């Protein structure tokens, strides 16, 4: 036996759908349209070189005069949280050095203490030194950098 209520339910469902489909869809005036988030400007190698005075001539002079290069980042919300171990910062810096100074980044020793990164070792040219410094200064949670990396004159 067929239940006589089934066709009525189907008719009721289709009629409600048709009524709802024709109803006006007004957006309340108080809801503003969604705003796309603003993207942070991308930091380029050239902007880091200019910001931290890392020109070839400047680096040569500073190495001859002082024997080391020191740069400090201004606080911009990327300060190192106390839970972030120096090993984590060192690992991030070494990874950036692998990509920036290849094929000889392993001749640079990296030590970190409270966000202050110290580089020691030797590179073949001032260009490679500049790339290493840019890589370190672009790494997150680096507060300051001291480079005692020497440029070999072979």
N, C-alpha and C. Protein backbone atom coordinates (compact mmCIF):
# COMPACT_ATOMS: atom_id res chain seq x y z
N UNK A 1 0.83 -1.17 0.00
CA UNK A 1 0.00 0.00 0.00
C UNK A 1 0.88 1.24 0.00
N UNK A 2 0.53 2.21 -0.80
CA UNK A 2 1.30 3.44 -0.94
C UNK A 2 0.80 4.45 0.06
N UNK A 3 1.75 5.06 0.73
CA UNK A 3 1.39 6.09 1.71
C UNK A 3 0.96 7.34 0.97
N UNK A 4 -0.24 7.82 1.24
CA UNK A 4 -0.79 8.97 0.52
C UNK A 4 -0.15 10.28 0.96
N UNK A 5 0.58 10.29 2.08
CA UNK A 5 1.20 11.54 2.54
C UNK A 5 2.47 11.89 1.78
N UNK A 6 3.11 10.94 1.12
CA UNK A 6 4.37 11.18 0.44
C UNK A 6 4.23 12.22 -0.67
N UNK A 7 3.24 12.14 -1.57
CA UNK A 7 3.15 13.16 -2.60
C UNK A 7 2.93 14.56 -2.04
N UNK A 8 2.19 14.66 -0.93
CA UNK A 8 1.95 15.98 -0.35
C UNK A 8 3.25 16.59 0.20
N UNK A 9 4.09 15.75 0.78
CA UNK A 9 5.37 16.25 1.27
C UNK A 9 6.27 16.75 0.14
N UNK A 10 6.23 16.01 -0.98
CA UNK A 10 7.02 16.45 -2.12
C UNK A 10 6.51 17.76 -2.69
N UNK A 11 5.20 17.89 -2.79
CA UNK A 11 4.61 19.14 -3.29
C UNK A 11 4.95 20.29 -2.35
N UNK A 12 4.87 20.05 -1.06
CA UNK A 12 5.17 21.09 -0.08
C UNK A 12 6.65 21.50 -0.17
N UNK A 13 7.56 20.52 -0.32
CA UNK A 13 8.98 20.83 -0.40
C UNK A 13 9.30 21.66 -1.64
N UNK A 14 8.75 21.27 -2.81
CA UNK A 14 8.99 22.02 -4.03
C UNK A 14 8.39 23.41 -3.98
N UNK A 15 7.23 23.56 -3.35
CA UNK A 15 6.60 24.88 -3.29
C UNK A 15 7.39 25.81 -2.37
N UNK A 16 7.93 25.28 -1.27
CA UNK A 16 8.75 26.11 -0.38
C UNK A 16 10.04 26.54 -1.08
N UNK A 17 10.62 25.63 -1.85
CA UNK A 17 11.83 25.96 -2.59
C UNK A 17 11.55 27.05 -3.61
N UNK A 18 10.43 26.96 -4.33
CA UNK A 18 10.09 27.96 -5.33
C UNK A 18 9.81 29.30 -4.70
N UNK A 19 9.16 29.34 -3.55
CA UNK A 19 8.87 30.61 -2.87
C UNK A 19 10.15 31.25 -2.36
N UNK A 20 11.03 30.44 -1.82
CA UNK A 20 12.28 30.97 -1.28
C UNK A 20 13.18 31.47 -2.40
N UNK A 21 13.15 30.83 -3.55
CA UNK A 21 14.00 31.22 -4.65
C UNK A 21 13.63 32.59 -5.20
N UNK A 22 12.38 32.95 -5.18
CA UNK A 22 11.92 34.24 -5.71
C UNK A 22 11.99 35.36 -4.69
N UNK A 23 12.30 35.06 -3.45
CA UNK A 23 12.34 36.08 -2.41
C UNK A 23 13.54 37.01 -2.64
N UNK A 24 13.38 38.31 -2.35
CA UNK A 24 14.50 39.25 -2.54
C UNK A 24 15.60 38.95 -1.52
N UNK A 25 16.82 39.13 -1.95
CA UNK A 25 17.98 38.88 -1.10
C UNK A 25 18.68 40.20 -0.83
N UNK A 26 18.29 40.86 0.21
CA UNK A 26 18.89 42.14 0.57
C UNK A 26 19.96 41.90 1.62
N UNK A 27 21.11 42.55 1.40
CA UNK A 27 22.18 42.52 2.39
C UNK A 27 21.93 43.66 3.36
N UNK A 28 22.09 43.42 4.63
CA UNK A 28 21.95 44.53 5.57
C UNK A 28 23.01 45.60 5.30
N UNK A 29 22.64 46.86 5.44
CA UNK A 29 23.54 47.97 5.14
C UNK A 29 24.69 48.07 6.14
N UNK A 30 24.53 47.49 7.33
CA UNK A 30 25.55 47.63 8.38
C UNK A 30 26.76 46.72 8.15
N UNK A 31 26.66 45.74 7.26
CA UNK A 31 27.77 44.81 7.04
C UNK A 31 28.65 45.36 5.91
N UNK A 32 29.88 45.76 6.23
CA UNK A 32 30.77 46.27 5.18
C UNK A 32 31.29 45.13 4.32
N UNK A 33 31.67 45.42 3.09
CA UNK A 33 32.23 44.37 2.24
C UNK A 33 33.58 43.92 2.80
N UNK A 34 33.94 42.66 2.57
CA UNK A 34 35.22 42.18 3.10
C UNK A 34 36.39 42.91 2.47
N UNK A 35 37.40 43.16 3.29
CA UNK A 35 38.60 43.86 2.84
C UNK A 35 39.73 42.85 2.76
N UNK A 36 40.43 42.84 1.66
CA UNK A 36 41.56 41.94 1.49
C UNK A 36 42.69 42.37 2.41
N UNK A 37 43.38 41.42 3.06
CA UNK A 37 44.49 41.79 3.94
C UNK A 37 45.63 42.39 3.12
N UNK A 38 46.28 43.38 3.72
CA UNK A 38 47.41 44.04 3.06
C UNK A 38 48.64 43.14 3.17
N UNK A 39 49.26 42.89 2.06
CA UNK A 39 50.48 42.09 2.04
C UNK A 39 51.65 42.94 2.51
N UNK A 40 52.52 42.31 3.30
CA UNK A 40 53.72 43.02 3.74
C UNK A 40 54.65 43.18 2.54
N UNK A 41 55.31 44.32 2.43
CA UNK A 41 56.24 44.48 1.30
C UNK A 41 57.38 43.48 1.42
N UNK A 42 57.75 42.91 0.31
CA UNK A 42 58.81 41.91 0.28
C UNK A 42 60.16 42.59 0.44
N UNK A 43 60.96 42.07 1.35
CA UNK A 43 62.29 42.62 1.59
C UNK A 43 63.24 42.05 0.54
N UNK A 44 63.88 42.92 -0.20
CA UNK A 44 64.78 42.47 -1.25
C UNK A 44 66.22 42.56 -0.77
N UNK A 45 67.08 41.88 -1.50
CA UNK A 45 68.51 41.92 -1.17
C UNK A 45 69.05 43.34 -1.27
N UNK A 46 68.60 44.08 -2.28
CA UNK A 46 69.08 45.46 -2.45
C UNK A 46 68.65 46.34 -1.28
N UNK A 47 67.44 46.14 -0.76
CA UNK A 47 67.00 46.96 0.37
C UNK A 47 67.79 46.64 1.63
N UNK A 48 68.16 45.38 1.82
CA UNK A 48 68.97 45.00 2.98
C UNK A 48 70.38 45.58 2.85
N UNK A 49 70.94 45.53 1.64
CA UNK A 49 72.28 46.10 1.41
C UNK A 49 72.28 47.59 1.71
N UNK A 50 71.26 48.30 1.27
CA UNK A 50 71.19 49.74 1.51
C UNK A 50 70.93 50.04 2.99
N UNK A 51 70.01 49.32 3.59
CA UNK A 51 69.63 49.58 4.99
C UNK A 51 70.78 49.36 5.96
N UNK A 52 71.57 48.31 5.72
CA UNK A 52 72.65 47.96 6.65
C UNK A 52 74.03 48.36 6.15
N UNK A 53 74.08 49.19 5.11
CA UNK A 53 75.35 49.69 4.57
C UNK A 53 76.32 48.54 4.30
N UNK A 54 75.96 47.71 3.34
CA UNK A 54 76.75 46.53 3.02
C UNK A 54 77.37 46.60 1.62
N UNK A 55 77.77 47.79 1.20
CA UNK A 55 78.39 47.91 -0.12
C UNK A 55 79.77 47.26 -0.08
N UNK A 56 80.26 46.85 -1.25
CA UNK A 56 81.56 46.17 -1.32
C UNK A 56 82.67 47.04 -0.74
N UNK A 57 82.72 48.29 -1.15
CA UNK A 57 83.78 49.18 -0.67
C UNK A 57 83.68 49.42 0.83
N UNK A 58 82.46 49.62 1.30
CA UNK A 58 82.25 49.84 2.73
C UNK A 58 82.67 48.64 3.56
N UNK A 59 82.37 47.44 3.08
CA UNK A 59 82.76 46.24 3.80
C UNK A 59 84.28 46.07 3.82
N UNK A 60 84.93 46.33 2.68
CA UNK A 60 86.40 46.24 2.64
C UNK A 60 87.04 47.20 3.64
N UNK A 61 86.57 48.45 3.62
CA UNK A 61 87.14 49.45 4.53
C UNK A 61 86.92 49.08 5.99
N UNK A 62 85.71 48.61 6.30
CA UNK A 62 85.41 48.27 7.69
C UNK A 62 86.24 47.07 8.16
N UNK A 63 86.44 46.10 7.28
CA UNK A 63 87.28 44.96 7.65
C UNK A 63 88.72 45.37 7.88
N UNK A 64 89.25 46.25 7.01
CA UNK A 64 90.63 46.71 7.19
C UNK A 64 90.78 47.56 8.44
N UNK A 65 89.79 48.38 8.71
CA UNK A 65 89.87 49.31 9.83
C UNK A 65 89.63 48.63 11.18
N UNK A 66 88.55 47.83 11.29
CA UNK A 66 88.16 47.26 12.57
C UNK A 66 88.44 45.77 12.69
N UNK A 67 88.54 45.08 11.58
CA UNK A 67 88.72 43.63 11.63
C UNK A 67 87.43 42.85 11.77
N UNK A 68 86.32 43.53 11.97
CA UNK A 68 85.02 42.87 12.07
C UNK A 68 83.92 43.81 11.60
N UNK A 69 82.77 43.24 11.34
CA UNK A 69 81.62 44.02 10.89
C UNK A 69 80.50 43.79 11.89
N UNK A 70 79.90 44.87 12.38
CA UNK A 70 78.81 44.76 13.35
C UNK A 70 77.60 45.52 12.82
N UNK A 71 76.44 44.85 12.83
CA UNK A 71 75.18 45.49 12.45
C UNK A 71 74.12 45.07 13.45
N UNK A 72 73.21 45.99 13.77
CA UNK A 72 72.13 45.70 14.69
C UNK A 72 70.81 46.02 14.03
N UNK A 73 69.85 45.12 14.18
CA UNK A 73 68.52 45.35 13.62
C UNK A 73 67.69 46.14 14.61
N UNK A 74 66.89 47.04 14.09
CA UNK A 74 65.99 47.78 14.97
C UNK A 74 64.84 46.88 15.36
N UNK A 75 64.28 47.07 16.55
CA UNK A 75 63.17 46.21 16.95
C UNK A 75 61.95 46.47 16.05
N UNK A 76 61.48 45.43 15.39
CA UNK A 76 60.34 45.57 14.50
C UNK A 76 59.31 44.49 14.74
N UNK A 77 59.26 44.00 15.96
CA UNK A 77 58.31 42.96 16.28
C UNK A 77 58.83 41.55 16.00
N UNK A 78 60.06 41.43 15.54
CA UNK A 78 60.61 40.10 15.28
C UNK A 78 61.66 39.74 16.31
N UNK A 79 61.55 40.32 17.50
CA UNK A 79 62.54 39.99 18.52
C UNK A 79 62.39 38.53 18.92
N UNK A 80 63.46 37.97 19.40
CA UNK A 80 63.48 36.55 19.71
C UNK A 80 62.69 36.27 20.98
N UNK A 81 61.70 35.40 20.90
CA UNK A 81 61.01 35.02 22.13
C UNK A 81 61.95 34.21 23.02
N UNK A 82 61.73 34.28 24.31
CA UNK A 82 62.64 33.62 25.24
C UNK A 82 62.65 32.11 25.05
N UNK A 83 61.57 31.54 24.51
CA UNK A 83 61.52 30.10 24.33
C UNK A 83 62.26 29.62 23.08
N UNK A 84 62.63 30.55 22.20
CA UNK A 84 63.32 30.14 20.98
C UNK A 84 64.80 29.96 21.29
N UNK A 85 65.25 28.74 21.21
CA UNK A 85 66.62 28.41 21.57
C UNK A 85 67.60 28.96 20.55
N UNK A 86 68.81 29.32 21.01
CA UNK A 86 69.84 29.77 20.07
C UNK A 86 70.13 28.74 18.99
N UNK A 87 69.94 27.47 19.29
CA UNK A 87 70.17 26.42 18.30
C UNK A 87 69.21 26.59 17.13
N UNK A 88 67.97 26.98 17.41
CA UNK A 88 66.98 27.20 16.34
C UNK A 88 67.40 28.36 15.45
N UNK A 89 67.85 29.46 16.06
CA UNK A 89 68.28 30.61 15.27
C UNK A 89 69.51 30.24 14.45
N UNK A 90 70.46 29.54 15.06
CA UNK A 90 71.66 29.11 14.36
C UNK A 90 71.30 28.22 13.17
N UNK A 91 70.35 27.33 13.37
CA UNK A 91 69.92 26.45 12.29
C UNK A 91 69.31 27.23 11.13
N UNK A 92 68.49 28.22 11.45
CA UNK A 92 67.89 29.05 10.40
C UNK A 92 68.95 29.84 9.64
N UNK A 93 69.92 30.37 10.37
CA UNK A 93 70.99 31.15 9.73
C UNK A 93 71.83 30.24 8.84
N UNK A 94 72.18 29.06 9.32
CA UNK A 94 72.99 28.14 8.51
C UNK A 94 72.26 27.72 7.25
N UNK A 95 70.95 27.51 7.36
CA UNK A 95 70.17 27.15 6.18
C UNK A 95 70.20 28.27 5.15
N UNK A 96 70.06 29.50 5.62
CA UNK A 96 70.12 30.64 4.69
C UNK A 96 71.52 30.77 4.08
N UNK A 97 72.55 30.50 4.87
CA UNK A 97 73.90 30.57 4.34
C UNK A 97 74.13 29.49 3.27
N UNK A 98 73.58 28.31 3.48
CA UNK A 98 73.70 27.25 2.48
C UNK A 98 73.14 27.68 1.13
N UNK A 99 72.01 28.40 1.18
CA UNK A 99 71.38 28.84 -0.07
C UNK A 99 72.07 30.07 -0.66
N UNK A 100 72.62 30.92 0.17
CA UNK A 100 73.16 32.19 -0.31
C UNK A 100 74.63 32.10 -0.73
N UNK A 101 75.44 31.37 -0.01
CA UNK A 101 76.89 31.41 -0.21
C UNK A 101 77.41 30.12 -0.83
N UNK A 102 76.55 29.27 -1.30
CA UNK A 102 76.98 28.00 -1.89
C UNK A 102 78.03 28.26 -2.96
N UNK A 103 79.01 27.45 -3.13
CA UNK A 103 79.22 26.13 -2.57
C UNK A 103 80.08 26.08 -1.33
N UNK A 104 80.48 27.19 -0.73
CA UNK A 104 81.42 27.10 0.40
C UNK A 104 80.90 27.74 1.69
N UNK A 105 79.68 27.44 2.10
CA UNK A 105 79.20 28.04 3.35
C UNK A 105 79.76 27.36 4.59
N UNK A 106 80.31 26.15 4.43
CA UNK A 106 80.77 25.41 5.59
C UNK A 106 82.08 25.97 6.15
N UNK A 107 82.68 26.92 5.47
CA UNK A 107 83.89 27.55 5.99
C UNK A 107 83.53 28.72 6.90
N UNK A 108 82.24 28.89 7.16
CA UNK A 108 81.76 29.94 8.05
C UNK A 108 81.15 29.28 9.28
N UNK A 109 81.66 29.63 10.45
CA UNK A 109 81.13 29.10 11.71
C UNK A 109 80.11 30.09 12.26
N UNK A 110 78.96 29.59 12.69
CA UNK A 110 77.87 30.43 13.20
C UNK A 110 77.65 30.11 14.66
N UNK A 111 77.68 31.16 15.51
CA UNK A 111 77.31 31.01 16.92
C UNK A 111 76.25 32.04 17.24
N UNK A 112 75.36 31.68 18.15
CA UNK A 112 74.25 32.57 18.50
C UNK A 112 74.10 32.64 20.01
N UNK A 113 73.87 33.84 20.50
CA UNK A 113 73.60 34.05 21.91
C UNK A 113 72.58 35.18 22.05
N UNK A 114 71.39 34.85 22.55
CA UNK A 114 70.32 35.81 22.77
C UNK A 114 70.00 36.62 21.51
N UNK A 115 69.98 35.97 20.38
CA UNK A 115 69.64 36.64 19.13
C UNK A 115 70.79 37.35 18.45
N UNK A 116 71.96 37.36 19.08
CA UNK A 116 73.15 37.98 18.50
C UNK A 116 73.94 36.88 17.79
N UNK A 117 74.06 37.00 16.48
CA UNK A 117 74.74 36.00 15.66
C UNK A 117 76.17 36.47 15.39
N UNK A 118 77.13 35.57 15.59
CA UNK A 118 78.53 35.85 15.29
C UNK A 118 79.01 34.88 14.22
N UNK A 119 79.59 35.44 13.16
CA UNK A 119 80.14 34.63 12.08
C UNK A 119 81.67 34.70 12.15
N UNK A 120 82.31 33.56 12.03
CA UNK A 120 83.77 33.52 11.93
C UNK A 120 84.13 32.57 10.80
N UNK A 121 85.28 32.77 10.22
CA UNK A 121 85.72 31.91 9.13
C UNK A 121 86.35 32.70 8.01
N UNK A 122 86.21 32.17 6.80
CA UNK A 122 86.87 32.76 5.65
C UNK A 122 86.01 32.55 4.40
N UNK A 123 85.99 33.57 3.54
CA UNK A 123 85.32 33.47 2.25
C UNK A 123 86.28 33.92 1.16
N UNK A 124 85.93 33.62 -0.09
CA UNK A 124 86.82 33.90 -1.22
C UNK A 124 86.77 35.35 -1.68
N UNK A 125 85.65 36.03 -1.47
CA UNK A 125 85.52 37.39 -2.01
C UNK A 125 84.59 38.23 -1.14
N UNK A 126 84.66 39.53 -1.35
CA UNK A 126 83.78 40.46 -0.64
C UNK A 126 82.33 40.23 -1.07
N UNK A 127 82.12 39.81 -2.31
CA UNK A 127 80.77 39.53 -2.79
C UNK A 127 80.13 38.40 -1.99
N UNK A 128 80.90 37.36 -1.72
CA UNK A 128 80.37 36.24 -0.91
C UNK A 128 80.13 36.68 0.53
N UNK A 129 80.99 37.53 1.05
CA UNK A 129 80.79 38.06 2.40
C UNK A 129 79.49 38.86 2.45
N UNK A 130 79.28 39.69 1.44
CA UNK A 130 78.05 40.48 1.38
C UNK A 130 76.82 39.57 1.34
N UNK A 131 76.86 38.52 0.53
CA UNK A 131 75.73 37.58 0.45
C UNK A 131 75.49 36.90 1.80
N UNK A 132 76.56 36.56 2.50
CA UNK A 132 76.41 35.93 3.81
C UNK A 132 75.77 36.90 4.81
N UNK A 133 76.21 38.14 4.80
CA UNK A 133 75.65 39.13 5.73
C UNK A 133 74.19 39.41 5.42
N UNK A 134 73.84 39.49 4.16
CA UNK A 134 72.44 39.70 3.77
C UNK A 134 71.60 38.51 4.23
N UNK A 135 72.12 37.30 4.06
CA UNK A 135 71.38 36.11 4.47
C UNK A 135 71.11 36.11 5.97
N UNK A 136 72.11 36.48 6.74
CA UNK A 136 71.94 36.49 8.20
C UNK A 136 70.97 37.59 8.62
N UNK A 137 71.13 38.78 8.07
CA UNK A 137 70.28 39.89 8.48
C UNK A 137 68.84 39.74 8.02
N UNK A 138 68.59 38.88 7.05
CA UNK A 138 67.21 38.65 6.62
C UNK A 138 66.56 37.49 7.37
N UNK A 139 67.32 36.78 8.20
CA UNK A 139 66.77 35.66 8.97
C UNK A 139 65.93 36.19 10.12
N UNK A 140 64.82 35.51 10.42
CA UNK A 140 63.99 35.96 11.54
C UNK A 140 64.68 35.75 12.88
N UNK A 141 64.36 36.60 13.83
CA UNK A 141 64.82 36.55 15.22
C UNK A 141 66.29 36.90 15.41
N UNK A 142 66.96 37.40 14.38
CA UNK A 142 68.34 37.86 14.53
C UNK A 142 68.29 39.31 14.99
N UNK A 143 68.82 39.58 16.17
CA UNK A 143 68.81 40.94 16.70
C UNK A 143 70.04 41.73 16.28
N UNK A 144 71.19 41.05 16.25
CA UNK A 144 72.44 41.73 15.90
C UNK A 144 73.36 40.73 15.22
N UNK A 145 74.33 41.27 14.51
CA UNK A 145 75.28 40.44 13.77
C UNK A 145 76.68 41.00 13.95
N UNK A 146 77.60 40.12 14.28
CA UNK A 146 79.03 40.45 14.27
C UNK A 146 79.70 39.46 13.33
N UNK A 147 80.40 39.98 12.34
CA UNK A 147 81.10 39.14 11.40
C UNK A 147 82.59 39.30 11.56
N UNK A 148 83.24 38.20 11.86
CA UNK A 148 84.70 38.17 11.92
C UNK A 148 85.23 37.32 10.76
N UNK A 149 84.43 37.25 9.73
CA UNK A 149 84.80 36.47 8.53
C UNK A 149 85.86 37.26 7.77
N UNK A 150 86.93 36.59 7.43
CA UNK A 150 88.02 37.21 6.67
C UNK A 150 87.88 36.88 5.19
N UNK A 151 88.30 37.81 4.35
CA UNK A 151 88.28 37.60 2.91
C UNK A 151 89.66 37.16 2.49
N UNK A 152 89.74 35.97 1.91
CA UNK A 152 91.05 35.47 1.46
C UNK A 152 91.46 36.20 0.20
N UNK A 153 92.74 36.45 0.08
CA UNK A 153 93.26 37.21 -1.06
C UNK A 153 94.03 36.33 -2.03
N UNK A 154 93.80 35.01 -1.97
CA UNK A 154 94.52 34.08 -2.86
C UNK A 154 94.24 34.38 -4.29
